[in-house]
PDB file of N, CA and C in Angstrom:
ATOM      1  N   MET A   1       7.648 108.336  93.126  1.00  0.00           N
ATOM      2  CA  MET A   1       6.110 108.578  93.254  1.00  0.00           C
ATOM      3  C   MET A   1       6.040 109.901  92.262  1.00  0.00           C
ATOM      4  N   CYS A   2       5.080 110.282  91.907  1.00  0.00           N
ATOM      5  CA  CYS A   2       4.007 111.134  90.996  1.00  0.00           C
ATOM      6  C   CYS A   2       3.775 112.373  91.890  1.00  0.00           C
ATOM      7  N   ASP A   3       4.182 113.588  90.417  1.00  0.00           N
ATOM      8  CA  ASP A   3       3.930 114.545  90.733  1.00  0.00           C
ATOM      9  C   ASP A   3       2.520 114.481  91.458  1.00  0.00           C
ATOM     10  N   ASP A   4       3.539 116.032  92.432  1.00  0.00           N
ATOM     11  CA  ASP A   4       1.614 116.579  93.389  1.00  0.00           C
ATOM     12  C   ASP A   4       1.168 116.927  91.999  1.00  0.00           C
ATOM     13  N   VAL A   5      -1.127 116.313  92.398  1.00  0.00           N
ATOM     14  CA  VAL A   5      -1.901 116.807  91.702  1.00  0.00           C
ATOM     15  C   VAL A   5      -3.097 117.033  92.614  1.00  0.00           C
ATOM     16  N   GLN A   6      -3.421 118.865  92.200  1.00  0.00           N
ATOM     17  CA  GLN A   6      -4.135 119.439  92.554  1.00  0.00           C
ATOM     18  C   GLN A   6      -5.943 118.588  91.653  1.00  0.00           C
ATOM     19  N   PRO A   7      -6.422 118.013  92.729  1.00  0.00           N
ATOM     20  CA  PRO A   7      -8.230 117.712  91.530  1.00  0.00           C
ATOM     21  C   PRO A   7      -8.476 118.853  91.384  1.00  0.00           C
ATOM     22  N   THR A   8      -9.387 118.644  89.944  1.00  0.00           N
ATOM     23  CA  THR A   8     -10.369 119.546  89.661  1.00  0.00           C
ATOM     24  C   THR A   8     -11.260 119.123  89.209  1.00  0.00           C
ATOM     25  N   ALA A   9     -12.710 119.402  90.356  1.00  0.00           N
ATOM     26  CA  ALA A   9     -13.998 118.884  90.174  1.00  0.00           C
ATOM     27  C   ALA A   9     -14.249 117.863  89.023  1.00  0.00           C
ATOM     28  N   ALA A  10     -14.528 116.829  89.698  1.00  0.00           N
ATOM     29  CA  ALA A  10     -15.445 115.984  89.607  1.00  0.00           C
ATOM     30  C   ALA A  10     -14.374 114.835  89.205  1.00  0.00           C
ATOM     31  N   GLU A  11     -12.449 115.175  88.536  1.00  0.00           N
ATOM     32  CA  GLU A  11     -11.938 114.412  87.748  1.00  0.00           C
ATOM     33  C   GLU A  11     -11.541 113.441  88.378  1.00  0.00           C
ATOM     34  N   PHE A  12     -11.524 112.847  89.419  1.00  0.00           N
ATOM     35  CA  PHE A  12     -11.150 111.995  90.121  1.00  0.00           C
ATOM     36  C   PHE A  12     -12.400 111.146  90.427  1.00  0.00           C
ATOM     37  N   VAL A  13     -13.002 109.544  90.269  1.00  0.00           N
ATOM     38  CA  VAL A  13     -13.911 109.707  90.622  1.00  0.00           C
ATOM     39  C   VAL A  13     -13.725 107.796  91.293  1.00  0.00           C
ATOM     40  N   THR A  14     -14.557 107.620  92.318  1.00  0.00           N
ATOM     41  CA  THR A  14     -14.346 105.594  91.812  1.00  0.00           C
ATOM     42  C   THR A  14     -15.611 104.995  91.866  1.00  0.00           C
ATOM     43  N   VAL A  15     -15.877 103.950  90.809  1.00  0.00           N
ATOM     44  CA  VAL A  15     -16.872 103.139  90.283  1.00  0.00           C
ATOM     45  C   VAL A  15     -17.054 102.039  90.998  1.00  0.00           C
ATOM     46  N   GLN A  16     -18.505 101.849  91.679  1.00  0.00           N
ATOM     47  CA  GLN A  16     -18.826 100.533  92.135  1.00  0.00           C
ATOM     48  C   GLN A  16     -19.588 100.190  91.674  1.00  0.00           C
ATOM     49  N   THR A  17     -19.696  98.277  91.767  1.00  0.00           N
ATOM     50  CA  THR A  17     -20.439  97.265  90.710  1.00  0.00           C
ATOM     51  C   THR A  17     -20.192  96.245  91.778  1.00  0.00           C
ATOM     52  N   THR A  18     -21.231  95.486  91.699  1.00  0.00           N
ATOM     53  CA  THR A  18     -20.805  94.266  91.978  1.00  0.00           C
ATOM     54  C   THR A  18     -21.392  92.706  91.410  1.00  0.00           C
ATOM     55  N   VAL A  19     -20.674  91.688  92.492  1.00  0.00           N
ATOM     56  CA  VAL A  19     -20.959  90.558  91.619  1.00  0.00           C
ATOM     57  C   VAL A  19     -21.308  89.291  92.292  1.00  0.00           C
ATOM     58  N   GLU A  20     -21.418  88.744  91.959  1.00  0.00           N
ATOM     59  CA  GLU A  20     -21.904  86.996  92.659  1.00  0.00           C
ATOM     60  C   GLU A  20     -21.143  86.646  93.830  1.00  0.00           C
ATOM     61  N   ASP A  21     -19.670  86.433  93.114  1.00  0.00           N
ATOM     62  CA  ASP A  21     -18.950  85.696  93.615  1.00  0.00           C
ATOM     63  C   ASP A  21     -17.179  86.077  93.422  1.00  0.00           C
ATOM     64  N   GLU A  22     -16.347  85.799  94.231  1.00  0.00           N
ATOM     65  CA  GLU A  22     -14.779  85.969  93.541  1.00  0.00           C
ATOM     66  C   GLU A  22     -14.529  85.917  92.389  1.00  0.00           C
ATOM     67  N   PRO A  23     -14.675  84.548  92.010  1.00  0.00           N
ATOM     68  CA  PRO A  23     -14.184  84.678  90.213  1.00  0.00           C
ATOM     69  C   PRO A  23     -14.392  85.497  89.361  1.00  0.00           C
ATOM     70  N   GLN A  24     -15.605  85.928  89.798  1.00  0.00           N
ATOM     71  CA  GLN A  24     -16.346  86.724  88.338  1.00  0.00           C
ATOM     72  C   GLN A  24     -15.631  88.511  89.342  1.00  0.00           C
ATOM     73  N   ALA A  25     -15.557  88.430  90.283  1.00  0.00           N
ATOM     74  CA  ALA A  25     -14.399  89.823  90.159  1.00  0.00           C
ATOM     75  C   ALA A  25     -13.629  90.120  90.377  1.00  0.00           C
ATOM     76  N   GLU A  26     -12.779  89.165  90.086  1.00  0.00           N
ATOM     77  CA  GLU A  26     -11.307  89.033  89.098  1.00  0.00           C
ATOM     78  C   GLU A  26     -11.678  88.862  87.954  1.00  0.00           C
ATOM     79  N   ARG A  27     -12.479  88.091  87.587  1.00  0.00           N
ATOM     80  CA  ARG A  27     -12.225  88.963  86.247  1.00  0.00           C
ATOM     81  C   ARG A  27     -12.824  90.074  85.702  1.00  0.00           C
ATOM     82  N   LEU A  28     -13.322  90.509  86.210  1.00  0.00           N
ATOM     83  CA  LEU A  28     -13.548  91.713  86.063  1.00  0.00           C
ATOM     84  C   LEU A  28     -12.985  92.738  86.573  1.00  0.00           C
ATOM     85  N   ALA A  29     -11.775  93.043  87.539  1.00  0.00           N
ATOM     86  CA  ALA A  29     -11.070  93.338  87.720  1.00  0.00           C
ATOM     87  C   ALA A  29     -10.140  93.218  86.725  1.00  0.00           C
ATOM     88  N   ALA A  30      -9.112  92.060  86.447  1.00  0.00           N
ATOM     89  CA  ALA A  30      -8.316  92.327  85.555  1.00  0.00           C
ATOM     90  C   ALA A  30      -8.784  93.113  83.784  1.00  0.00           C
ATOM     91  N   ALA A  31     -10.615  92.539  84.038  1.00  0.00           N
ATOM     92  CA  ALA A  31     -11.213  93.650  82.499  1.00  0.00           C
ATOM     93  C   ALA A  31     -10.550  94.664  82.144  1.00  0.00           C
ATOM     94  N   LEU A  32     -10.378  95.624  83.759  1.00  0.00           N
ATOM     95  CA  LEU A  32     -10.671  96.811  84.112  1.00  0.00           C
ATOM     96  C   LEU A  32      -9.353  97.340  84.172  1.00  0.00           C
ATOM     97  N   LEU A  33      -8.453  97.305  84.686  1.00  0.00           N
ATOM     98  CA  LEU A  33      -6.885  96.926  84.527  1.00  0.00           C
ATOM     99  C   LEU A  33      -6.721  97.441  83.257  1.00  0.00           C
ATOM    100  N   ASP A  34      -6.613  95.711  82.640  1.00  0.00           N
ATOM    101  CA  ASP A  34      -5.591  95.731  81.186  1.00  0.00           C
ATOM    102  C   ASP A  34      -6.265  96.703  80.484  1.00  0.00           C
ATOM    103  N   ALA A  35      -8.105  97.433  80.240  1.00  0.00           N
ATOM    104  CA  ALA A  35      -8.071  98.214  79.601  1.00  0.00           C
ATOM    105  C   ALA A  35      -7.899  99.150  79.860  1.00  0.00           C
ATOM    106  N   GLY A  36      -6.760  99.986  80.793  1.00  0.00           N
ATOM    107  CA  GLY A  36      -6.365 100.748  81.327  1.00  0.00           C
ATOM    108  C   GLY A  36      -7.713 102.100  81.810  1.00  0.00           C
ATOM    109  N   LEU A  37      -8.987 100.624  82.616  1.00  0.00           N
ATOM    110  CA  LEU A  37      -9.641 101.930  82.650  1.00  0.00           C
ATOM    111  C   LEU A  37      -9.899 102.637  84.810  1.00  0.00           C
ATOM    112  N   GLY A  38      -8.913 102.174  85.114  1.00  0.00           N
ATOM    113  CA  GLY A  38      -8.691 102.576  86.218  1.00  0.00           C
ATOM    114  C   GLY A  38      -7.271 102.503  87.040  1.00  0.00           C
ATOM    115  N   ALA A  39      -7.126 102.562  87.749  1.00  0.00           N
ATOM    116  CA  ALA A  39      -5.324 102.942  88.443  1.00  0.00           C
ATOM    117  C   ALA A  39      -5.276 101.581  89.600  1.00  0.00           C
ATOM    118  N   CYS A  40      -6.817 100.817  89.708  1.00  0.00           N
ATOM    119  CA  CYS A  40      -6.942 100.494  90.884  1.00  0.00           C
ATOM    120  C   CYS A  40      -8.664  99.500  91.073  1.00  0.00           C
ATOM    121  N   VAL A  41      -7.988  98.463  91.411  1.00  0.00           N
ATOM    122  CA  VAL A  41     -10.267  97.512  91.299  1.00  0.00           C
ATOM    123  C   VAL A  41     -10.017  96.962  93.553  1.00  0.00           C
ATOM    124  N   GLN A  42     -10.473  97.224  93.800  1.00  0.00           N
ATOM    125  CA  GLN A  42     -10.772  97.192  95.216  1.00  0.00           C
ATOM    126  C   GLN A  42     -11.797  96.000  95.382  1.00  0.00           C
ATOM    127  N   VAL A  43     -11.221  94.160  95.492  1.00  0.00           N
ATOM    128  CA  VAL A  43     -12.465  93.816  95.980  1.00  0.00           C
ATOM    129  C   VAL A  43     -12.855  93.502  97.200  1.00  0.00           C
ATOM    130  N   SER A  44     -14.185  93.326  97.746  1.00  0.00           N
ATOM    131  CA  SER A  44     -13.984  93.029  99.694  1.00  0.00           C
ATOM    132  C   SER A  44     -15.931  92.278  99.716  1.00  0.00           C
ATOM    133  N   ALA A  45     -15.804  91.723 100.236  1.00  0.00           N
ATOM    134  CA  ALA A  45     -16.930  90.914 100.424  1.00  0.00           C
ATOM    135  C   ALA A  45     -18.460  91.602 100.847  1.00  0.00           C
ATOM    136  N   VAL A  46     -19.124  91.611 100.807  1.00  0.00           N
ATOM    137  CA  VAL A  46     -20.181  92.573 101.254  1.00  0.00           C
ATOM    138  C   VAL A  46     -21.203  91.281 101.205  1.00  0.00           C
ATOM    139  N   ARG A  47     -22.148  92.111 102.136  1.00  0.00           N
ATOM    140  CA  ARG A  47     -23.251  90.973 102.058  1.00  0.00           C
ATOM    141  C   ARG A  47     -24.771  92.286 101.572  1.00  0.00           C
ATOM    142  N   SER A  48     -25.637  92.168 100.502  1.00  0.00           N
ATOM    143  CA  SER A  48     -26.508  92.394 100.427  1.00  0.00           C
ATOM    144  C   SER A  48     -27.665  92.763 100.583  1.00  0.00           C
ATOM    145  N   PHE A  49     -29.082  93.327 101.176  1.00  0.00           N
ATOM    146  CA  PHE A  49     -30.279  93.230 101.445  1.00  0.00           C
ATOM    147  C   PHE A  49     -30.799  94.196  99.952  1.00  0.00           C
ATOM    148  N   TYR A  50     -31.457  93.491  99.166  1.00  0.00           N
ATOM    149  CA  TYR A  50     -31.939  93.850  97.780  1.00  0.00           C
ATOM    150  C   TYR A  50     -33.186  93.562  98.284  1.00  0.00           C
ATOM    151  N   ARG A  51     -34.577  94.174  97.436  1.00  0.00           N
ATOM    152  CA  ARG A  51     -35.878  94.319  96.359  1.00  0.00           C
ATOM    153  C   ARG A  51     -35.415  93.762  95.244  1.00  0.00           C
ATOM    154  N   TRP A  52     -35.728  93.229  94.660  1.00  0.00           N
ATOM    155  CA  TRP A  52     -35.255  92.349  93.105  1.00  0.00           C
ATOM    156  C   TRP A  52     -36.849  91.773  92.473  1.00  0.00           C
ATOM    157  N   LYS A  53     -37.296  92.312  91.111  1.00  0.00           N
ATOM    158  CA  LYS A  53     -38.578  91.820  90.907  1.00  0.00           C
ATOM    159  C   LYS A  53     -39.436  90.478  92.299  1.00  0.00           C
ATOM    160  N   GLY A  54     -40.093  92.551  92.775  1.00  0.00           N
ATOM    161  CA  GLY A  54     -40.970  91.819  93.952  1.00  0.00           C
ATOM    162  C   GLY A  54     -40.440  90.745  94.561  1.00  0.00           C
ATOM    163  N   GLU A  55     -39.100  90.487  95.064  1.00  0.00           N
ATOM    164  CA  GLU A  55     -39.048  89.461  95.854  1.00  0.00           C
ATOM    165  C   GLU A  55     -37.179  90.393  97.030  1.00  0.00           C
ATOM    166  N   VAL A  56     -37.668  90.119  98.358  1.00  0.00           N
ATOM    167  CA  VAL A  56     -36.341  90.810  99.047  1.00  0.00           C
ATOM    168  C   VAL A  56     -35.096  89.066  99.298  1.00  0.00           C
ATOM    169  N   HIS A  57     -34.823  90.035  99.122  1.00  0.00           N
ATOM    170  CA  HIS A  57     -32.974  88.534  99.135  1.00  0.00           C
ATOM    171  C   HIS A  57     -31.869  89.484 100.325  1.00  0.00           C
ATOM    172  N   ASP A  58     -30.842  88.733 100.221  1.00  0.00           N
ATOM    173  CA  ASP A  58     -29.900  87.989 101.023  1.00  0.00           C
ATOM    174  C   ASP A  58     -28.737  87.938 100.421  1.00  0.00           C
ATOM    175  N   ASP A  59     -27.950  88.297 100.078  1.00  0.00           N
ATOM    176  CA  ASP A  59     -27.793  87.391  99.089  1.00  0.00           C
ATOM    177  C   ASP A  59     -25.230  88.132  99.833  1.00  0.00           C
ATOM    178  N   PRO A  60     -24.634  86.828  99.511  1.00  0.00           N
ATOM    179  CA  PRO A  60     -23.382  86.986  99.866  1.00  0.00           C
ATOM    180  C   PRO A  60     -22.778  87.765  98.550  1.00  0.00           C
ATOM    181  N   GLU A  61     -21.848  88.877  98.207  1.00  0.00           N
ATOM    182  CA  GLU A  61     -21.593  89.412  96.997  1.00  0.00           C
ATOM    183  C   GLU A  61     -20.293  89.894  97.509  1.00  0.00           C
ATOM    184  N   GLN A  62     -19.731  90.033  95.508  1.00  0.00           N
ATOM    185  CA  GLN A  62     -18.138  90.863  96.183  1.00  0.00           C
ATOM    186  C   GLN A  62     -18.140  92.428  95.532  1.00  0.00           C
ATOM    187  N   LEU A  63     -17.796  93.603  96.047  1.00  0.00           N
ATOM    188  CA  LEU A  63     -18.134  94.280  95.723  1.00  0.00           C
ATOM    189  C   LEU A  63     -16.673  94.757  95.223  1.00  0.00           C
ATOM    190  N   LEU A  64     -16.366  95.672  94.129  1.00  0.00           N
ATOM    191  CA  LEU A  64     -15.633  96.232  93.358  1.00  0.00           C
ATOM    192  C   LEU A  64     -15.508  97.541  93.460  1.00  0.00           C
ATOM    193  N   THR A  65     -14.511  98.505  93.609  1.00  0.00           N
ATOM    194  CA  THR A  65     -14.495  99.812  93.737  1.00  0.00           C
ATOM    195  C   THR A  65     -13.359 100.293  92.690  1.00  0.00           C
ATOM    196  N   VAL A  66     -13.729 100.899  91.875  1.00  0.00           N
ATOM    197  CA  VAL A  66     -12.721 101.194  91.137  1.00  0.00           C
ATOM    198  C   VAL A  66     -12.321 103.059  91.351  1.00  0.00           C
ATOM    199  N   LYS A  67     -11.096 102.828  91.339  1.00  0.00           N
ATOM    200  CA  LYS A  67     -10.610 104.378  91.128  1.00  0.00           C
ATOM    201  C   LYS A  67      -9.533 105.019  89.886  1.00  0.00           C
ATOM    202  N   THR A  68     -10.469 105.450  89.767  1.00  0.00           N
ATOM    203  CA  THR A  68     -10.314 106.285  88.092  1.00  0.00           C
ATOM    204  C   THR A  68     -10.246 107.562  87.962  1.00  0.00           C
ATOM    205  N   THR A  69     -10.599 108.095  86.815  1.00  0.00           N
ATOM    206  CA  THR A  69     -10.698 109.729  86.495  1.00  0.00           C
ATOM    207  C   THR A  69     -12.434 109.530  85.847  1.00  0.00           C
ATOM    208  N   ALA A  70     -12.893 110.572  85.461  1.00  0.00           N
ATOM    209  CA  ALA A  70     -14.484 110.351  84.855  1.00  0.00           C
ATOM    210  C   ALA A  70     -14.364 110.791  83.495  1.00  0.00           C
ATOM    211  N   ALA A  71     -13.503 110.869  83.287  1.00  0.00           N
ATOM    212  CA  ALA A  71     -13.180 110.287  81.624  1.00  0.00           C
ATOM    213  C   ALA A  71     -13.141 108.818  81.084  1.00  0.00           C
ATOM    214  N   ALA A  72     -12.605 108.381  82.554  1.00  0.00           N
ATOM    215  CA  ALA A  72     -12.203 106.673  82.241  1.00  0.00           C
ATOM    216  C   ALA A  72     -14.035 105.793  82.419  1.00  0.00           C
ATOM    217  N   VAL A  73     -15.010 106.872  83.043  1.00  0.00           N
ATOM    218  CA  VAL A  73     -16.211 106.800  82.658  1.00  0.00           C
ATOM    219  C   VAL A  73     -16.874 105.412  81.805  1.00  0.00           C
ATOM    220  N   PRO A  74     -17.199 106.345  80.917  1.00  0.00           N
ATOM    221  CA  PRO A  74     -17.831 105.857  79.609  1.00  0.00           C
ATOM    222  C   PRO A  74     -17.819 104.458  78.827  1.00  0.00           C
ATOM    223  N   GLY A  75     -16.147 104.401  79.180  1.00  0.00           N
ATOM    224  CA  GLY A  75     -15.244 102.797  79.034  1.00  0.00           C
ATOM    225  C   GLY A  75     -15.560 102.096  80.181  1.00  0.00           C
ATOM    226  N   ILE A  76     -15.888 102.317  80.549  1.00  0.00           N
ATOM    227  CA  ILE A  76     -16.053 101.527  82.265  1.00  0.00           C
ATOM    228  C   ILE A  76     -17.336 101.047  82.125  1.00  0.00           C
ATOM    229  N   LYS A  77     -18.412 102.162  81.644  1.00  0.00           N
ATOM    230  CA  LYS A  77     -19.835 101.446  81.603  1.00  0.00           C
ATOM    231  C   LYS A  77     -19.948 100.641  80.429  1.00  0.00           C
ATOM    232  N   GLU A  78     -19.846 100.961  79.008  1.00  0.00           N
ATOM    233  CA  GLU A  78     -19.359  99.887  78.066  1.00  0.00           C
ATOM    234  C   GLU A  78     -19.167  98.410  78.316  1.00  0.00           C
ATOM    235  N   LEU A  79     -17.850  98.442  78.990  1.00  0.00           N
ATOM    236  CA  LEU A  79     -17.048  97.339  79.394  1.00  0.00           C
ATOM    237  C   LEU A  79     -18.258  96.504  80.513  1.00  0.00           C
ATOM    238  N   LEU A  80     -18.796  96.803  81.718  1.00  0.00           N
ATOM    239  CA  LEU A  80     -19.604  96.090  82.540  1.00  0.00           C
ATOM    240  C   LEU A  80     -21.014  95.811  81.512  1.00  0.00           C
ATOM    241  N   THR A  81     -21.257  96.526  80.999  1.00  0.00           N
ATOM    242  CA  THR A  81     -22.467  96.554  79.307  1.00  0.00           C
ATOM    243  C   THR A  81     -22.207  95.348  79.309  1.00  0.00           C
ATOM    244  N   ARG A  82     -21.227  95.399  77.643  1.00  0.00           N
ATOM    245  CA  ARG A  82     -20.533  93.880  78.004  1.00  0.00           C
ATOM    246  C   ARG A  82     -20.230  93.077  78.519  1.00  0.00           C
ATOM    247  N   ASP A  83     -19.361  93.139  79.813  1.00  0.00           N
ATOM    248  CA  ASP A  83     -19.231  92.151  80.972  1.00  0.00           C
ATOM    249  C   ASP A  83     -19.715  91.027  81.862  1.00  0.00           C
ATOM    250  N   HIS A  84     -20.634  92.607  82.108  1.00  0.00           N
ATOM    251  CA  HIS A  84     -21.197  92.024  83.975  1.00  0.00           C
ATOM    252  C   HIS A  84     -21.752  91.008  83.534  1.00  0.00           C
ATOM    253  N   PRO A  85     -21.534  89.871  84.784  1.00  0.00           N
ATOM    254  CA  PRO A  85     -23.166  88.721  84.562  1.00  0.00           C
ATOM    255  C   PRO A  85     -24.482  88.824  85.056  1.00  0.00           C
ATOM    256  N   TYR A  86     -24.558  90.020  85.313  1.00  0.00           N
ATOM    257  CA  TYR A  86     -25.794  90.358  86.074  1.00  0.00           C
ATOM    258  C   TYR A  86     -26.500  91.087  85.066  1.00  0.00           C
ATOM    259  N   GLU A  87     -28.141  90.755  85.250  1.00  0.00           N
ATOM    260  CA  GLU A  87     -28.888  91.106  84.004  1.00  0.00           C
ATOM    261  C   GLU A  87     -28.857  92.877  84.202  1.00  0.00           C
ATOM    262  N   GLU A  88     -29.335  93.340  85.828  1.00  0.00           N
ATOM    263  CA  GLU A  88     -28.896  94.600  85.901  1.00  0.00           C
ATOM    264  C   GLU A  88     -28.142  95.214  86.545  1.00  0.00           C
ATOM    265  N   PRO A  89     -26.641  95.802  86.675  1.00  0.00           N
ATOM    266  CA  PRO A  89     -25.060  95.617  86.747  1.00  0.00           C
ATOM    267  C   PRO A  89     -25.719  96.660  87.777  1.00  0.00           C
ATOM    268  N   GLU A  90     -25.137  96.811  89.152  1.00  0.00           N
ATOM    269  CA  GLU A  90     -24.799  97.912  89.335  1.00  0.00           C
ATOM    270  C   GLU A  90     -23.825  98.576  89.128  1.00  0.00           C
ATOM    271  N   LEU A  91     -23.695  99.957  89.146  1.00  0.00           N
ATOM    272  CA  LEU A  91     -23.119 100.947  88.877  1.00  0.00           C
ATOM    273  C   LEU A  91     -24.017 102.389  89.238  1.00  0.00           C
ATOM    274  N   ILE A  92     -22.260 102.759  90.032  1.00  0.00           N
ATOM    275  CA  ILE A  92     -22.534 103.999  90.686  1.00  0.00           C
ATOM    276  C   ILE A  92     -21.823 104.725  91.062  1.00  0.00           C
ATOM    277  N   VAL A  93     -20.759 105.564  90.298  1.00  0.00           N
ATOM    278  CA  VAL A  93     -19.881 107.057  89.968  1.00  0.00           C
ATOM    279  C   VAL A  93     -19.455 107.850  91.375  1.00  0.00           C
ATOM    280  N   GLN A  94     -18.430 107.822  92.549  1.00  0.00           N
ATOM    281  CA  GLN A  94     -18.851 109.042  93.076  1.00  0.00           C
ATOM    282  C   GLN A  94     -17.412 109.549  92.736  1.00  0.00           C
ATOM    283  N   PRO A  95     -18.028 111.105  93.143  1.00  0.00           N
ATOM    284  CA  PRO A  95     -16.860 112.022  92.590  1.00  0.00           C
ATOM    285  C   PRO A  95     -16.026 112.239  93.744  1.00  0.00           C
ATOM    286  N   ILE A  96     -14.373 112.115  93.806  1.00  0.00           N
ATOM    287  CA  ILE A  96     -13.185 112.213  94.727  1.00  0.00           C
ATOM    288  C   ILE A  96     -12.816 113.842  94.690  1.00  0.00           C
ATOM    289  N   LEU A  97     -14.101 114.169  96.105  1.00  0.00           N
ATOM    290  CA  LEU A  97     -13.893 115.495  96.254  1.00  0.00           C
ATOM    291  C   LEU A  97     -12.103 115.943  96.309  1.00  0.00           C
ATOM    292  N   ASP A  98     -11.345 115.699  97.542  1.00  0.00           N
ATOM    293  CA  ASP A  98     -10.425 116.225  97.579  1.00  0.00           C
ATOM    294  C   ASP A  98      -9.363 114.429  97.990  1.00  0.00           C
ATOM    295  N   GLY A  99      -7.633 114.626  97.970  1.00  0.00           N
ATOM    296  CA  GLY A  99      -7.616 113.148  98.316  1.00  0.00           C
ATOM    297  C   GLY A  99      -5.307 113.329  98.380  1.00  0.00           C
ATOM    298  N   SER A 100      -4.718 113.027  98.401  1.00  0.00           N
ATOM    299  CA  SER A 100      -3.745 112.925  98.558  1.00  0.00           C
ATOM    300  C   SER A 100      -3.252 113.420  97.156  1.00  0.00           C
ATOM    301  N   PRO A 101      -2.332 114.675  96.457  1.00  0.00           N
ATOM    302  CA  PRO A 101      -1.876 114.731  95.335  1.00  0.00           C
ATOM    303  C   PRO A 101      -0.801 113.709  95.319  1.00  0.00           C
ATOM    304  N   GLY A 102      -0.087 113.193  95.524  1.00  0.00           N
ATOM    305  CA  GLY A 102       0.594 112.157  94.694  1.00  0.00           C
ATOM    306  C   GLY A 102      -0.129 110.921  94.191  1.00  0.00           C
ATOM    307  N   TYR A 103      -1.316 110.614  95.236  1.00  0.00           N
ATOM    308  CA  TYR A 103      -1.896 109.716  95.319  1.00  0.00           C
ATOM    309  C   TYR A 103      -3.072 109.615  94.105  1.00  0.00           C
ATOM    310  N   LEU A 104      -3.560 110.850  93.889  1.00  0.00           N
ATOM    311  CA  LEU A 104      -4.568 111.447  92.320  1.00  0.00           C
ATOM    312  C   LEU A 104      -3.424 111.154  91.650  1.00  0.00           C
ATOM    313  N   GLY A 105      -2.346 111.872  91.437  1.00  0.00           N
ATOM    314  CA  GLY A 105      -2.029 111.665  90.665  1.00  0.00           C
ATOM    315  C   GLY A 105      -0.592 110.351  89.995  1.00  0.00           C
ATOM    316  N   TRP A 106      -1.007 109.765  90.519  1.00  0.00           N
ATOM    317  CA  TRP A 106      -0.882 108.343  90.986  1.00  0.00           C
ATOM    318  C   TRP A 106      -1.882 107.337  89.572  1.00  0.00           C
ATOM    319  N   VAL A 107      -3.067 107.916  89.683  1.00  0.00           N
ATOM    320  CA  VAL A 107      -4.724 107.073  89.489  1.00  0.00           C
ATOM    321  C   VAL A 107      -4.540 107.832  88.226  1.00  0.00           C
ATOM    322  N   ARG A 108      -4.174 109.189  88.041  1.00  0.00           N
ATOM    323  CA  ARG A 108      -4.509 109.926  86.753  1.00  0.00           C
ATOM    324  C   ARG A 108      -3.039 109.396  85.884  1.00  0.00           C
ATOM    325  N   GLU A 109      -1.769 108.858  86.578  1.00  0.00           N
ATOM    326  CA  GLU A 109      -0.857 108.631  84.734  1.00  0.00           C
ATOM    327  C   GLU A 109      -1.353 106.693  85.108  1.00  0.00           C
ATOM    328  N   ASN A 110      -2.059 106.168  86.287  1.00  0.00           N
ATOM    329  CA  ASN A 110      -2.272 104.685  85.689  1.00  0.00           C
ATOM    330  C   ASN A 110      -3.768 104.642  85.087  1.00  0.00           C
ATOM    331  N   THR A 111      -4.287 105.701  84.742  1.00  0.00           N
ATOM    332  CA  THR A 111      -5.737 105.230  83.702  1.00  0.00           C
ATOM    333  C   THR A 111      -5.572 106.206  82.684  1.00  0.00           C
ATOM    334  N   ILE A 112      -5.554 105.416  81.464  1.00  0.00           N
ATOM    335  CA  ILE A 112      -5.322 105.597  80.171  1.00  0.00           C
ATOM    336  C   ILE A 112      -6.562 106.626  79.880  1.00  0.00           C
ATOM    337  N   ALA A 113      -6.897 107.525  79.454  1.00  0.00           N
ATOM    338  CA  ALA A 113      -7.545 108.755  78.676  1.00  0.00           C
ATOM    339  C   ALA A 113      -8.222 108.155  77.352  1.00  0.00           C
ATOM    340  N   PRO A 114      -9.321 108.277  77.087  1.00  0.00           N
ATOM    341  CA  PRO A 114      -9.639 108.355  76.165  1.00  0.00           C
ATOM    342  C   PRO A 114      -9.696 108.601  75.439  1.00  0.00           C
ATOM    343  N   THR A 115      -9.115 108.076  74.231  1.00  0.00           N
ATOM    344  CA  THR A 115      -9.134 108.868  72.827  1.00  0.00           C
ATOM    345  C   THR A 115     -10.251 109.030  71.571  1.00  0.00           C
TER     346      THR A 115
END
């Protein structure tokens, strides 16, 4: 296992986005991992209620949650801007305030730092 890691303020984050279906989610998850922009991408089926262009929608979606570092967020934003199928993709970044040191070490080791 990885060396124990003590998190620093906002060093580790999760990034969320949603897409319409599982194939889109799988493509984005693979692209994020291939680019080294996260250690893990979880995909979950969700039901979203939202207002878009003056209308209320109720749609099934796939929620992607990326376990990553704050340093990787600019690269994630760039990838989503380029590859996301939505006109206005969700992009929410949430800090990880604490976690198991071994797991956070694994996230750090498996997320490529930007150069």
